[in-house]
Structure formats: C-alpha cells, structure tokens
Amino acid sequence: MKILCPHIGLLLKKQLIVFYKEIFRKAIHLCTAFVPLLLAHFYGATIALLVLAGVGYAFCEALSLRGISIPIVSDIIDMAARERDKGKFVLGPLTLVCGIVLTALLWEPKAAAVGIFALAFGDGLASLAGKIWGNLHIPFTGGKTCAGSLVCFTAIFISSFCVLRSAGVSLCIAVCGMLIEILPLKDYDNILIPVLLGGIAHFYI
C-alpha cells in the first residue's frame, strides 16, 4: 500500500496537469468567439492582427525548437502544448488562426460568424466535455467521446441558430460540424470546421 500511494498520487497529478492544459487551450478557442465582433467593426485591422499573430507564433515556435526560449511567449506555448506535441512544432495555434482568417476572407460576415462560432464553441467545448464525462468512446475516431460529440452538436446548433434564426439550416450545420469533429484530424479540424460550416451558411444566406 505504501508503494502504491506515491504512484497513485503521481498519476492523479499528471491527469490534473493534462486537464488544466486542456482548459487553457480551449479557453483560447472560446476567446475566438469575439473575432466576428471585431471583424464587423475593424475588418482590415483584425485580419492583419490575426496574420501577424500566426506569423509571430510560427517564428517563436521555430526558435523554441532550436532551444531558444522567448520570455512569456514560450511559457504560454508550453502551457497549451499536449504531451504528444513535446519536441514538435505545435500546429494548433497556427491552424486556429488559418481557419479563422480563411473563413473571414472566403465568406460574408454572417456566414463567417457561423463558422467561427462553431470553432469557438463546438470544437472548444467538445474536448472539455470529453475530458469530464468522456467514459464512452466512439470506435475508430482516435479517442473521441460520445459526450464530446453531443456537446459539440448542441453548441454549434445553438450558436448557428442565434445567427441564422433557422432551425433547419442550424441542424444541418450542427450535424456536419459534429461529424467533422469526430474525425481524427488532430489540429486540422481548426481549419475544416469554420471554413466548411461557414460555407454551408453562406450558400443558405
């Protein structure tokens, strides 16, 4: 028993660290919900800042891989990095920026808002729900959970309905968003979710 206790404590500590990292990472996702508001009032400046943020992140991450630490920035990147990303270029923040910028450039503001909200709330909350209630996993999806998919569907449906005021189209968008989120795409769902769902909303509008 004395031997087991330290191991159990260490395991719990690791699980807590993973959970807190997930909360921090998804908090960044949720903050992207402010982007449509910024685009509505400062379109050019918002796009420019997003591109600058993406380029700056890529530069800092490249330096980090060479062993050069950037104060504050490197700490934030480390806090958001998953265990699987250790020693690798972390694509998540870059694909997040790319997905938002592409969505804003491709679709008109209302449709772009649908796609960005789907990324912010659907994908952002799905992972947290999976960590908290994810006892039932979906086969062949790389660890995706039923709870995460249900929360993703609900969040996308509600956010889409708030923008479009159409239950039918919002339902279609939510189903498509849930199916994309289920796929084991790793960080590339940050691009596919807003672009594809924004496209569906665009053709409806």
N, C-alpha and C. Protein backbone atom coordinates (compact mmCIF):
# COMPACT_ATOMS: atom_id res chain seq x y z
N MET A 1 0.83 -1.21 0.00
CA MET A 1 0.00 0.00 0.00
C MET A 1 0.86 1.26 0.00
N LYS A 2 1.95 1.25 0.80
CA LYS A 2 2.84 2.41 0.87
C LYS A 2 3.51 2.67 -0.48
N ILE A 3 3.76 1.57 -1.22
CA ILE A 3 4.41 1.71 -2.52
C ILE A 3 3.42 2.26 -3.54
N LEU A 4 2.14 1.83 -3.44
CA LEU A 4 1.13 2.22 -4.41
C LEU A 4 0.73 3.69 -4.28
N CYS A 5 0.67 4.20 -3.05
CA CYS A 5 0.18 5.56 -2.81
C CYS A 5 0.94 6.63 -3.58
N PRO A 6 2.28 6.61 -3.56
CA PRO A 6 3.01 7.62 -4.34
C PRO A 6 2.71 7.54 -5.84
N HIS A 7 2.56 6.31 -6.35
CA HIS A 7 2.26 6.12 -7.78
C HIS A 7 0.88 6.67 -8.12
N ILE A 8 -0.08 6.42 -7.24
CA ILE A 8 -1.45 6.93 -7.45
C ILE A 8 -1.46 8.46 -7.42
N GLY A 9 -0.73 9.02 -6.45
CA GLY A 9 -0.64 10.47 -6.34
C GLY A 9 0.00 11.09 -7.57
N LEU A 10 1.05 10.45 -8.09
CA LEU A 10 1.74 10.95 -9.29
C LEU A 10 0.82 10.88 -10.51
N LEU A 11 0.05 9.78 -10.61
CA LEU A 11 -0.88 9.61 -11.72
C LEU A 11 -1.97 10.68 -11.70
N LEU A 12 -2.50 10.94 -10.49
CA LEU A 12 -3.54 11.97 -10.34
C LEU A 12 -2.99 13.36 -10.69
N LYS A 13 -1.74 13.60 -10.30
CA LYS A 13 -1.12 14.88 -10.58
C LYS A 13 -0.97 15.07 -12.09
N LYS A 14 -0.56 14.02 -12.79
CA LYS A 14 -0.40 14.09 -14.24
C LYS A 14 -1.73 14.33 -14.92
N GLN A 15 -2.79 13.66 -14.42
CA GLN A 15 -4.12 13.83 -15.00
C GLN A 15 -4.63 15.25 -14.80
N LEU A 16 -4.34 15.83 -13.63
CA LEU A 16 -4.75 17.21 -13.35
C LEU A 16 -4.03 18.19 -14.27
N ILE A 17 -2.73 17.93 -14.50
CA ILE A 17 -1.96 18.81 -15.38
C ILE A 17 -2.53 18.77 -16.80
N VAL A 18 -2.85 17.56 -17.27
CA VAL A 18 -3.44 17.39 -18.61
C VAL A 18 -4.77 18.13 -18.69
N PHE A 19 -5.59 18.02 -17.63
CA PHE A 19 -6.90 18.66 -17.62
C PHE A 19 -6.78 20.18 -17.63
N TYR A 20 -5.87 20.71 -16.82
CA TYR A 20 -5.68 22.17 -16.77
C TYR A 20 -5.13 22.70 -18.09
N LYS A 21 -4.24 21.93 -18.73
CA LYS A 21 -3.73 22.31 -20.04
C LYS A 21 -4.87 22.37 -21.06
N GLU A 22 -5.78 21.39 -20.97
CA GLU A 22 -6.92 21.35 -21.89
C GLU A 22 -7.83 22.56 -21.68
N ILE A 23 -8.05 22.91 -20.42
CA ILE A 23 -8.87 24.10 -20.11
C ILE A 23 -8.22 25.35 -20.68
N PHE A 24 -6.92 25.50 -20.50
CA PHE A 24 -6.20 26.67 -21.01
C PHE A 24 -6.27 26.73 -22.53
N ARG A 25 -6.06 25.57 -23.18
CA ARG A 25 -6.08 25.53 -24.63
C ARG A 25 -7.46 25.86 -25.18
N LYS A 26 -8.49 25.31 -24.56
CA LYS A 26 -9.85 25.54 -25.05
C LYS A 26 -10.36 26.93 -24.68
N ALA A 27 -9.77 27.54 -23.66
CA ALA A 27 -10.10 28.93 -23.33
C ALA A 27 -9.69 29.83 -24.49
N ILE A 28 -8.56 29.49 -25.13
CA ILE A 28 -8.12 30.24 -26.30
C ILE A 28 -9.14 30.06 -27.43
N HIS A 29 -9.63 28.82 -27.60
CA HIS A 29 -10.67 28.57 -28.59
C HIS A 29 -11.89 29.44 -28.34
N LEU A 30 -12.33 29.47 -27.10
CA LEU A 30 -13.54 30.22 -26.75
C LEU A 30 -13.36 31.72 -26.98
N CYS A 31 -12.16 32.21 -26.78
CA CYS A 31 -11.90 33.64 -26.98
C CYS A 31 -12.05 34.05 -28.45
N THR A 32 -11.93 33.08 -29.36
CA THR A 32 -12.09 33.41 -30.78
C THR A 32 -13.54 33.79 -31.10
N ALA A 33 -14.46 33.57 -30.18
CA ALA A 33 -15.85 33.98 -30.39
C ALA A 33 -15.99 35.50 -30.49
N PHE A 34 -14.97 36.23 -30.03
CA PHE A 34 -15.01 37.70 -30.14
C PHE A 34 -14.59 38.18 -31.53
N VAL A 35 -14.00 37.30 -32.32
CA VAL A 35 -13.48 37.70 -33.63
C VAL A 35 -14.56 38.26 -34.56
N PRO A 36 -15.75 37.61 -34.69
CA PRO A 36 -16.77 38.18 -35.57
C PRO A 36 -17.15 39.63 -35.21
N LEU A 37 -17.18 39.93 -33.92
CA LEU A 37 -17.49 41.30 -33.49
C LEU A 37 -16.39 42.26 -33.93
N LEU A 38 -15.15 41.83 -33.77
CA LEU A 38 -14.03 42.66 -34.20
C LEU A 38 -14.01 42.84 -35.71
N LEU A 39 -14.35 41.76 -36.44
CA LEU A 39 -14.38 41.85 -37.90
C LEU A 39 -15.46 42.83 -38.37
N ALA A 40 -16.56 42.87 -37.64
CA ALA A 40 -17.66 43.75 -38.02
C ALA A 40 -17.29 45.22 -37.93
N HIS A 41 -16.39 45.55 -37.01
CA HIS A 41 -16.04 46.96 -36.78
C HIS A 41 -14.64 47.32 -37.29
N PHE A 42 -13.73 46.35 -37.27
CA PHE A 42 -12.34 46.63 -37.67
C PHE A 42 -11.84 45.49 -38.56
N TYR A 43 -12.49 45.29 -39.69
CA TYR A 43 -12.21 44.12 -40.54
C TYR A 43 -10.74 44.03 -40.93
N GLY A 44 -10.23 45.04 -41.58
CA GLY A 44 -8.85 45.01 -42.06
C GLY A 44 -7.84 44.85 -40.94
N ALA A 45 -8.02 45.62 -39.88
CA ALA A 45 -7.09 45.56 -38.75
C ALA A 45 -7.13 44.19 -38.07
N THR A 46 -8.33 43.60 -37.97
CA THR A 46 -8.46 42.29 -37.32
C THR A 46 -7.76 41.21 -38.14
N ILE A 47 -7.96 41.23 -39.47
CA ILE A 47 -7.29 40.26 -40.34
C ILE A 47 -5.78 40.42 -40.23
N ALA A 48 -5.31 41.66 -40.26
CA ALA A 48 -3.87 41.93 -40.18
C ALA A 48 -3.29 41.43 -38.86
N LEU A 49 -4.00 41.68 -37.76
CA LEU A 49 -3.52 41.24 -36.45
C LEU A 49 -3.49 39.71 -36.34
N LEU A 50 -4.50 39.05 -36.92
CA LEU A 50 -4.54 37.58 -36.91
C LEU A 50 -3.38 37.00 -37.69
N VAL A 51 -3.13 37.57 -38.88
CA VAL A 51 -2.00 37.10 -39.69
C VAL A 51 -0.69 37.34 -38.97
N LEU A 52 -0.55 38.51 -38.36
CA LEU A 52 0.66 38.84 -37.60
C LEU A 52 0.84 37.88 -36.44
N ALA A 53 -0.26 37.55 -35.76
CA ALA A 53 -0.21 36.61 -34.63
C ALA A 53 0.24 35.23 -35.10
N GLY A 54 -0.29 34.79 -36.25
CA GLY A 54 0.09 33.48 -36.79
C GLY A 54 1.56 33.43 -37.17
N VAL A 55 2.04 34.47 -37.86
CA VAL A 55 3.44 34.52 -38.27
C VAL A 55 4.35 34.61 -37.04
N GLY A 56 3.95 35.45 -36.09
CA GLY A 56 4.74 35.59 -34.86
C GLY A 56 4.82 34.29 -34.08
N TYR A 57 3.69 33.59 -34.01
CA TYR A 57 3.69 32.30 -33.31
C TYR A 57 4.62 31.30 -34.00
N ALA A 58 4.53 31.20 -35.34
CA ALA A 58 5.35 30.26 -36.09
C ALA A 58 6.84 30.56 -35.87
N PHE A 59 7.18 31.85 -35.86
CA PHE A 59 8.57 32.25 -35.64
C PHE A 59 9.05 31.85 -34.25
N CYS A 60 8.23 32.13 -33.23
CA CYS A 60 8.60 31.80 -31.85
C CYS A 60 8.70 30.29 -31.65
N GLU A 61 7.80 29.55 -32.28
CA GLU A 61 7.82 28.09 -32.14
C GLU A 61 9.06 27.51 -32.82
N ALA A 62 9.43 28.07 -33.96
CA ALA A 62 10.65 27.62 -34.65
C ALA A 62 11.88 27.87 -33.78
N LEU A 63 11.92 29.03 -33.14
CA LEU A 63 13.04 29.33 -32.23
C LEU A 63 13.06 28.39 -31.05
N SER A 64 11.87 28.09 -30.53
CA SER A 64 11.76 27.19 -29.38
C SER A 64 12.31 25.80 -29.69
N LEU A 65 12.05 25.32 -30.91
CA LEU A 65 12.55 24.01 -31.32
C LEU A 65 14.07 24.00 -31.44
N ARG A 66 14.65 25.18 -31.60
CA ARG A 66 16.12 25.31 -31.65
C ARG A 66 16.72 25.57 -30.27
N GLY A 67 15.85 25.52 -29.26
CA GLY A 67 16.32 25.70 -27.89
C GLY A 67 16.38 27.14 -27.44
N ILE A 68 15.82 28.04 -28.23
CA ILE A 68 15.81 29.47 -27.89
C ILE A 68 14.46 29.81 -27.26
N SER A 69 14.46 30.19 -26.02
CA SER A 69 13.22 30.48 -25.30
C SER A 69 12.86 31.96 -25.39
N ILE A 70 11.60 32.24 -25.68
CA ILE A 70 11.10 33.61 -25.73
C ILE A 70 10.32 33.87 -24.44
N PRO A 71 10.71 34.87 -23.64
CA PRO A 71 10.00 35.14 -22.38
C PRO A 71 8.50 35.30 -22.59
N ILE A 72 7.74 34.73 -21.69
CA ILE A 72 6.27 34.77 -21.68
C ILE A 72 5.67 33.94 -22.81
N VAL A 73 6.08 34.22 -24.06
CA VAL A 73 5.51 33.50 -25.21
C VAL A 73 5.79 32.00 -25.10
N SER A 74 7.02 31.63 -24.82
CA SER A 74 7.39 30.22 -24.70
C SER A 74 6.64 29.55 -23.55
N ASP A 75 6.42 30.30 -22.47
CA ASP A 75 5.68 29.76 -21.33
C ASP A 75 4.22 29.49 -21.71
N ILE A 76 3.62 30.40 -22.47
CA ILE A 76 2.24 30.22 -22.90
C ILE A 76 2.12 29.03 -23.83
N ILE A 77 3.05 28.90 -24.77
CA ILE A 77 3.04 27.77 -25.70
C ILE A 77 3.19 26.46 -24.96
N ASP A 78 4.07 26.44 -23.97
CA ASP A 78 4.29 25.22 -23.18
C ASP A 78 3.04 24.86 -22.38
N MET A 79 2.35 25.86 -21.87
CA MET A 79 1.12 25.61 -21.09
C MET A 79 0.03 25.00 -21.97
N ALA A 80 0.02 25.36 -23.25
CA ALA A 80 -1.03 24.90 -24.15
C ALA A 80 -0.68 23.61 -24.88
N ALA A 81 0.59 23.19 -24.82
CA ALA A 81 1.04 22.04 -25.60
C ALA A 81 0.57 20.72 -24.98
N ARG A 82 0.13 19.81 -25.83
CA ARG A 82 -0.20 18.46 -25.39
C ARG A 82 1.07 17.65 -25.24
N GLU A 83 0.97 16.54 -24.51
CA GLU A 83 2.12 15.67 -24.31
C GLU A 83 2.64 15.14 -25.64
N ARG A 84 1.70 14.85 -26.58
CA ARG A 84 2.10 14.31 -27.88
C ARG A 84 2.87 15.32 -28.72
N ASP A 85 2.78 16.61 -28.34
CA ASP A 85 3.42 17.67 -29.13
C ASP A 85 4.81 18.03 -28.62
N LYS A 86 5.25 17.41 -27.55
CA LYS A 86 6.55 17.74 -26.98
C LYS A 86 7.66 17.48 -28.01
N GLY A 87 8.49 18.49 -28.22
CA GLY A 87 9.60 18.36 -29.15
C GLY A 87 9.20 18.50 -30.60
N LYS A 88 7.93 18.86 -30.85
CA LYS A 88 7.44 19.04 -32.22
C LYS A 88 6.91 20.46 -32.40
N PHE A 89 6.74 20.84 -33.65
CA PHE A 89 6.11 22.12 -33.95
C PHE A 89 4.62 21.95 -33.64
N VAL A 90 4.10 22.75 -32.70
CA VAL A 90 2.70 22.65 -32.28
C VAL A 90 1.84 23.39 -33.30
N LEU A 91 1.04 22.65 -34.05
CA LEU A 91 0.26 23.24 -35.14
C LEU A 91 -1.02 23.93 -34.68
N GLY A 92 -1.55 23.54 -33.52
CA GLY A 92 -2.85 24.02 -33.07
C GLY A 92 -3.09 25.52 -33.22
N PRO A 93 -2.26 26.37 -32.60
CA PRO A 93 -2.49 27.81 -32.71
C PRO A 93 -2.42 28.33 -34.15
N LEU A 94 -1.54 27.74 -34.96
CA LEU A 94 -1.39 28.18 -36.35
C LEU A 94 -2.61 27.79 -37.18
N THR A 95 -3.09 26.56 -37.02
CA THR A 95 -4.28 26.14 -37.77
C THR A 95 -5.52 26.90 -37.29
N LEU A 96 -5.53 27.28 -36.01
CA LEU A 96 -6.64 28.07 -35.47
C LEU A 96 -6.71 29.43 -36.18
N VAL A 97 -5.57 30.09 -36.29
CA VAL A 97 -5.52 31.38 -36.97
C VAL A 97 -5.85 31.22 -38.45
N CYS A 98 -5.29 30.21 -39.09
CA CYS A 98 -5.55 29.98 -40.52
C CYS A 98 -7.03 29.74 -40.79
N GLY A 99 -7.66 28.93 -39.93
CA GLY A 99 -9.07 28.63 -40.09
C GLY A 99 -9.93 29.88 -39.99
N ILE A 100 -9.63 30.73 -39.02
CA ILE A 100 -10.41 31.96 -38.82
C ILE A 100 -10.20 32.94 -39.97
N VAL A 101 -8.94 33.13 -40.38
CA VAL A 101 -8.63 34.07 -41.46
C VAL A 101 -9.26 33.61 -42.79
N LEU A 102 -9.12 32.33 -43.11
CA LEU A 102 -9.71 31.81 -44.34
C LEU A 102 -11.23 31.97 -44.34
N THR A 103 -11.84 31.68 -43.22
CA THR A 103 -13.30 31.81 -43.10
C THR A 103 -13.74 33.26 -43.31
N ALA A 104 -13.01 34.18 -42.69
CA ALA A 104 -13.34 35.61 -42.82
C ALA A 104 -13.16 36.10 -44.25
N LEU A 105 -12.14 35.58 -44.94
CA LEU A 105 -11.86 36.03 -46.31
C LEU A 105 -12.80 35.38 -47.33
N LEU A 106 -13.19 34.14 -47.09
CA LEU A 106 -13.99 33.41 -48.07
C LEU A 106 -15.48 33.75 -48.04
N TRP A 107 -16.02 33.97 -46.84
CA TRP A 107 -17.46 34.09 -46.70
C TRP A 107 -17.88 35.47 -46.20
N GLU A 108 -19.11 35.82 -46.48
CA GLU A 108 -19.61 37.11 -45.99
C GLU A 108 -19.75 37.07 -44.47
N PRO A 109 -19.84 38.23 -43.81
CA PRO A 109 -19.71 38.30 -42.35
C PRO A 109 -20.63 37.37 -41.55
N LYS A 110 -21.89 37.27 -41.96
CA LYS A 110 -22.83 36.44 -41.20
C LYS A 110 -22.45 34.96 -41.27
N ALA A 111 -22.10 34.51 -42.47
CA ALA A 111 -21.68 33.11 -42.65
C ALA A 111 -20.36 32.84 -41.94
N ALA A 112 -19.44 33.81 -42.03
CA ALA A 112 -18.15 33.66 -41.35
C ALA A 112 -18.35 33.55 -39.84
N ALA A 113 -19.30 34.31 -39.30
CA ALA A 113 -19.59 34.26 -37.86
C ALA A 113 -20.07 32.86 -37.47
N VAL A 114 -20.89 32.24 -38.31
CA VAL A 114 -21.37 30.88 -38.03
C VAL A 114 -20.19 29.91 -37.93
N GLY A 115 -19.28 30.00 -38.91
CA GLY A 115 -18.12 29.11 -38.90
C GLY A 115 -17.20 29.34 -37.72
N ILE A 116 -16.96 30.60 -37.40
CA ILE A 116 -16.05 30.93 -36.29
C ILE A 116 -16.67 30.55 -34.95
N PHE A 117 -17.97 30.79 -34.80
CA PHE A 117 -18.66 30.38 -33.57
C PHE A 117 -18.64 28.86 -33.41
N ALA A 118 -18.77 28.14 -34.52
CA ALA A 118 -18.72 26.67 -34.46
C ALA A 118 -17.37 26.20 -33.96
N LEU A 119 -16.32 26.87 -34.42
CA LEU A 119 -14.97 26.55 -33.96
C LEU A 119 -14.80 26.89 -32.50
N ALA A 120 -15.27 28.08 -32.13
CA ALA A 120 -15.08 28.56 -30.75
C ALA A 120 -15.85 27.70 -29.74
N PHE A 121 -17.14 27.51 -29.99
CA PHE A 121 -17.99 26.83 -29.01
C PHE A 121 -18.07 25.32 -29.24
N GLY A 122 -18.27 24.90 -30.50
CA GLY A 122 -18.41 23.48 -30.77
C GLY A 122 -17.16 22.70 -30.49
N ASP A 123 -16.08 23.05 -31.19
CA ASP A 123 -14.81 22.35 -31.00
C ASP A 123 -14.22 22.66 -29.64
N GLY A 124 -14.40 23.90 -29.19
CA GLY A 124 -13.82 24.29 -27.89
C GLY A 124 -14.41 23.54 -26.72
N LEU A 125 -15.74 23.39 -26.70
CA LEU A 125 -16.40 22.73 -25.57
C LEU A 125 -16.40 21.21 -25.68
N ALA A 126 -16.28 20.69 -26.91
CA ALA A 126 -16.33 19.23 -27.11
C ALA A 126 -15.20 18.53 -26.36
N SER A 127 -14.01 19.08 -26.46
CA SER A 127 -12.86 18.45 -25.82
C SER A 127 -12.98 18.49 -24.29
N LEU A 128 -13.47 19.61 -23.75
CA LEU A 128 -13.65 19.71 -22.30
C LEU A 128 -14.70 18.71 -21.81
N ALA A 129 -15.79 18.59 -22.56
CA ALA A 129 -16.85 17.64 -22.19
C ALA A 129 -16.30 16.22 -22.23
N GLY A 130 -15.46 15.94 -23.22
CA GLY A 130 -14.86 14.61 -23.33
C GLY A 130 -13.97 14.29 -22.15
N LYS A 131 -13.25 15.31 -21.67
CA LYS A 131 -12.36 15.10 -20.52
C LYS A 131 -13.15 14.87 -19.23
N ILE A 132 -14.29 15.55 -19.11
CA ILE A 132 -15.07 15.47 -17.87
C ILE A 132 -16.00 14.27 -17.85
N TRP A 133 -16.74 14.06 -18.96
CA TRP A 133 -17.75 13.00 -18.99
C TRP A 133 -17.46 11.92 -20.02
N GLY A 134 -16.23 11.90 -20.53
CA GLY A 134 -15.92 11.01 -21.65
C GLY A 134 -15.60 9.58 -21.29
N ASN A 135 -16.56 8.88 -20.72
CA ASN A 135 -16.35 7.47 -20.40
C ASN A 135 -16.64 6.57 -21.60
N LEU A 136 -17.52 7.03 -22.48
CA LEU A 136 -17.92 6.23 -23.62
C LEU A 136 -17.26 6.77 -24.89
N HIS A 137 -16.34 5.99 -25.45
CA HIS A 137 -15.59 6.42 -26.62
C HIS A 137 -16.22 5.90 -27.91
N ILE A 138 -16.03 6.67 -28.98
CA ILE A 138 -16.54 6.28 -30.30
C ILE A 138 -15.43 5.51 -31.02
N PRO A 139 -15.71 4.29 -31.48
CA PRO A 139 -14.66 3.48 -32.13
C PRO A 139 -14.09 4.14 -33.39
N PHE A 140 -12.79 3.92 -33.62
CA PHE A 140 -12.09 4.35 -34.84
C PHE A 140 -12.04 5.88 -35.01
N THR A 141 -12.10 6.62 -33.91
CA THR A 141 -12.06 8.09 -34.00
C THR A 141 -10.86 8.70 -33.28
N GLY A 142 -9.95 7.87 -32.83
CA GLY A 142 -8.78 8.40 -32.15
C GLY A 142 -9.06 8.91 -30.75
N GLY A 143 -10.07 8.32 -30.08
CA GLY A 143 -10.35 8.70 -28.69
C GLY A 143 -11.48 9.69 -28.51
N LYS A 144 -12.20 10.06 -29.57
CA LYS A 144 -13.33 10.99 -29.43
C LYS A 144 -14.44 10.32 -28.62
N THR A 145 -15.19 11.12 -27.87
CA THR A 145 -16.20 10.59 -26.97
C THR A 145 -17.62 10.98 -27.38
N CYS A 146 -18.58 10.19 -26.92
CA CYS A 146 -19.99 10.50 -27.19
C CYS A 146 -20.39 11.82 -26.54
N ALA A 147 -19.90 12.03 -25.31
CA ALA A 147 -20.24 13.27 -24.60
C ALA A 147 -19.70 14.49 -25.35
N GLY A 148 -18.46 14.40 -25.82
CA GLY A 148 -17.87 15.50 -26.56
C GLY A 148 -18.62 15.80 -27.85
N SER A 149 -19.02 14.75 -28.55
CA SER A 149 -19.74 14.93 -29.81
C SER A 149 -21.12 15.53 -29.58
N LEU A 150 -21.79 15.10 -28.50
CA LEU A 150 -23.12 15.65 -28.19
C LEU A 150 -23.03 17.13 -27.83
N VAL A 151 -22.04 17.48 -27.04
CA VAL A 151 -21.85 18.89 -26.66
C VAL A 151 -21.47 19.72 -27.89
N CYS A 152 -20.64 19.16 -28.76
CA CYS A 152 -20.26 19.84 -29.99
C CYS A 152 -21.50 20.13 -30.83
N PHE A 153 -22.34 19.13 -31.03
CA PHE A 153 -23.57 19.29 -31.81
C PHE A 153 -24.46 20.38 -31.21
N THR A 154 -24.66 20.32 -29.89
CA THR A 154 -25.54 21.27 -29.22
C THR A 154 -25.01 22.69 -29.31
N ALA A 155 -23.71 22.86 -29.08
CA ALA A 155 -23.11 24.19 -29.10
C ALA A 155 -23.17 24.80 -30.50
N ILE A 156 -22.91 23.99 -31.53
CA ILE A 156 -22.95 24.51 -32.90
C ILE A 156 -24.39 24.84 -33.30
N PHE A 157 -25.32 23.99 -32.91
CA PHE A 157 -26.73 24.26 -33.25
C PHE A 157 -27.21 25.58 -32.64
N ILE A 158 -26.92 25.77 -31.35
CA ILE A 158 -27.37 26.98 -30.66
C ILE A 158 -26.71 28.22 -31.25
N SER A 159 -25.38 28.17 -31.45
CA SER A 159 -24.66 29.35 -31.96
C SER A 159 -25.09 29.66 -33.40
N SER A 160 -25.33 28.63 -34.22
CA SER A 160 -25.78 28.84 -35.60
C SER A 160 -27.19 29.42 -35.63
N PHE A 161 -28.05 28.92 -34.76
CA PHE A 161 -29.43 29.41 -34.72
C PHE A 161 -29.47 30.87 -34.28
N CYS A 162 -28.60 31.24 -33.36
CA CYS A 162 -28.56 32.63 -32.90
C CYS A 162 -28.20 33.59 -34.03
N VAL A 163 -27.42 33.10 -35.00
CA VAL A 163 -27.02 33.94 -36.14
C VAL A 163 -28.03 33.86 -37.28
N LEU A 164 -28.46 32.64 -37.62
CA LEU A 164 -29.28 32.43 -38.81
C LEU A 164 -30.78 32.46 -38.57
N ARG A 165 -31.19 32.16 -37.34
CA ARG A 165 -32.62 32.09 -36.99
C ARG A 165 -33.36 31.06 -37.85
N SER A 166 -32.69 29.98 -38.19
CA SER A 166 -33.31 28.89 -38.96
C SER A 166 -32.93 27.56 -38.31
N ALA A 167 -33.93 26.87 -37.77
CA ALA A 167 -33.67 25.61 -37.09
C ALA A 167 -33.17 24.54 -38.07
N GLY A 168 -33.76 24.52 -39.28
CA GLY A 168 -33.37 23.51 -40.26
C GLY A 168 -31.93 23.62 -40.69
N VAL A 169 -31.51 24.82 -41.07
CA VAL A 169 -30.13 25.03 -41.51
C VAL A 169 -29.17 24.85 -40.34
N SER A 170 -29.55 25.31 -39.17
CA SER A 170 -28.70 25.16 -37.98
C SER A 170 -28.51 23.69 -37.65
N LEU A 171 -29.57 22.90 -37.84
CA LEU A 171 -29.47 21.45 -37.60
C LEU A 171 -28.49 20.81 -38.57
N CYS A 172 -28.59 21.20 -39.83
CA CYS A 172 -27.67 20.66 -40.85
C CYS A 172 -26.22 21.03 -40.54
N ILE A 173 -26.02 22.28 -40.17
CA ILE A 173 -24.67 22.75 -39.83
C ILE A 173 -24.13 22.02 -38.60
N ALA A 174 -24.99 21.81 -37.61
CA ALA A 174 -24.57 21.14 -36.38
C ALA A 174 -24.20 19.68 -36.64
N VAL A 175 -24.96 19.00 -37.47
CA VAL A 175 -24.66 17.61 -37.81
C VAL A 175 -23.32 17.52 -38.54
N CYS A 176 -23.13 18.40 -39.53
CA CYS A 176 -21.87 18.42 -40.28
C CYS A 176 -20.69 18.73 -39.36
N GLY A 177 -20.89 19.70 -38.47
CA GLY A 177 -19.83 20.06 -37.53
C GLY A 177 -19.46 18.91 -36.60
N MET A 178 -20.47 18.21 -36.12
CA MET A 178 -20.23 17.07 -35.22
C MET A 178 -19.46 15.98 -35.95
N LEU A 179 -19.83 15.71 -37.22
CA LEU A 179 -19.15 14.67 -37.99
C LEU A 179 -17.70 15.03 -38.27
N ILE A 180 -17.43 16.31 -38.54
CA ILE A 180 -16.05 16.75 -38.76
C ILE A 180 -15.25 16.61 -37.46
N GLU A 181 -15.86 17.00 -36.35
CA GLU A 181 -15.18 16.95 -35.05
C GLU A 181 -14.86 15.51 -34.65
N ILE A 182 -15.70 14.57 -35.06
CA ILE A 182 -15.48 13.16 -34.72
C ILE A 182 -14.26 12.60 -35.44
N LEU A 183 -14.00 13.08 -36.65
CA LEU A 183 -12.88 12.56 -37.43
C LEU A 183 -11.55 12.81 -36.71
N PRO A 184 -10.63 11.85 -36.77
CA PRO A 184 -9.32 12.02 -36.11
C PRO A 184 -8.39 12.91 -36.92
N LEU A 185 -8.72 14.19 -36.98
CA LEU A 185 -7.98 15.15 -37.82
C LEU A 185 -6.89 15.89 -37.06
N LYS A 186 -6.80 15.61 -35.75
CA LYS A 186 -5.86 16.34 -34.88
C LYS A 186 -6.17 17.84 -34.95
N ASP A 187 -5.16 18.66 -35.27
CA ASP A 187 -5.38 20.12 -35.23
C ASP A 187 -5.95 20.69 -36.53
N TYR A 188 -6.10 19.87 -37.54
CA TYR A 188 -6.59 20.37 -38.82
C TYR A 188 -8.09 20.63 -38.81
N ASP A 189 -8.79 20.15 -37.78
CA ASP A 189 -10.21 20.49 -37.69
C ASP A 189 -10.41 21.98 -37.41
N ASN A 190 -9.35 22.65 -36.92
CA ASN A 190 -9.41 24.10 -36.72
C ASN A 190 -9.62 24.84 -38.04
N ILE A 191 -9.23 24.22 -39.14
CA ILE A 191 -9.42 24.82 -40.46
C ILE A 191 -10.73 24.34 -41.08
N LEU A 192 -10.96 23.03 -41.04
CA LEU A 192 -12.12 22.46 -41.72
C LEU A 192 -13.45 22.91 -41.11
N ILE A 193 -13.53 22.95 -39.79
CA ILE A 193 -14.80 23.30 -39.14
C ILE A 193 -15.28 24.70 -39.53
N PRO A 194 -14.49 25.75 -39.33
CA PRO A 194 -15.04 27.08 -39.67
C PRO A 194 -15.23 27.29 -41.16
N VAL A 195 -14.30 26.80 -41.99
CA VAL A 195 -14.40 27.02 -43.43
C VAL A 195 -15.60 26.29 -44.03
N LEU A 196 -15.76 25.01 -43.72
CA LEU A 196 -16.85 24.23 -44.30
C LEU A 196 -18.21 24.66 -43.76
N LEU A 197 -18.30 24.88 -42.46
CA LEU A 197 -19.59 25.27 -41.88
C LEU A 197 -19.96 26.70 -42.28
N GLY A 198 -18.96 27.55 -42.37
CA GLY A 198 -19.21 28.90 -42.87
C GLY A 198 -19.68 28.86 -44.32
N GLY A 199 -19.15 27.92 -45.10
CA GLY A 199 -19.59 27.74 -46.48
C GLY A 199 -21.03 27.31 -46.59
N ILE A 200 -21.45 26.39 -45.73
CA ILE A 200 -22.85 25.94 -45.73
C ILE A 200 -23.77 27.13 -45.41
N ALA A 201 -23.38 27.89 -44.40
CA ALA A 201 -24.18 29.08 -44.02
C ALA A 201 -24.21 30.10 -45.14
N HIS A 202 -23.10 30.26 -45.85
CA HIS A 202 -23.00 31.23 -46.93
C HIS A 202 -23.99 30.89 -48.06
N PHE A 203 -24.05 29.62 -48.44
CA PHE A 203 -24.93 29.24 -49.53
C PHE A 203 -26.42 29.28 -49.11
N TYR A 204 -26.65 29.15 -47.81
CA TYR A 204 -28.04 29.29 -47.33
C TYR A 204 -28.46 30.76 -47.40
N ILE A 205 -27.55 31.65 -46.96
CA ILE A 205 -27.87 33.08 -46.91
C ILE A 205 -28.00 33.63 -48.33
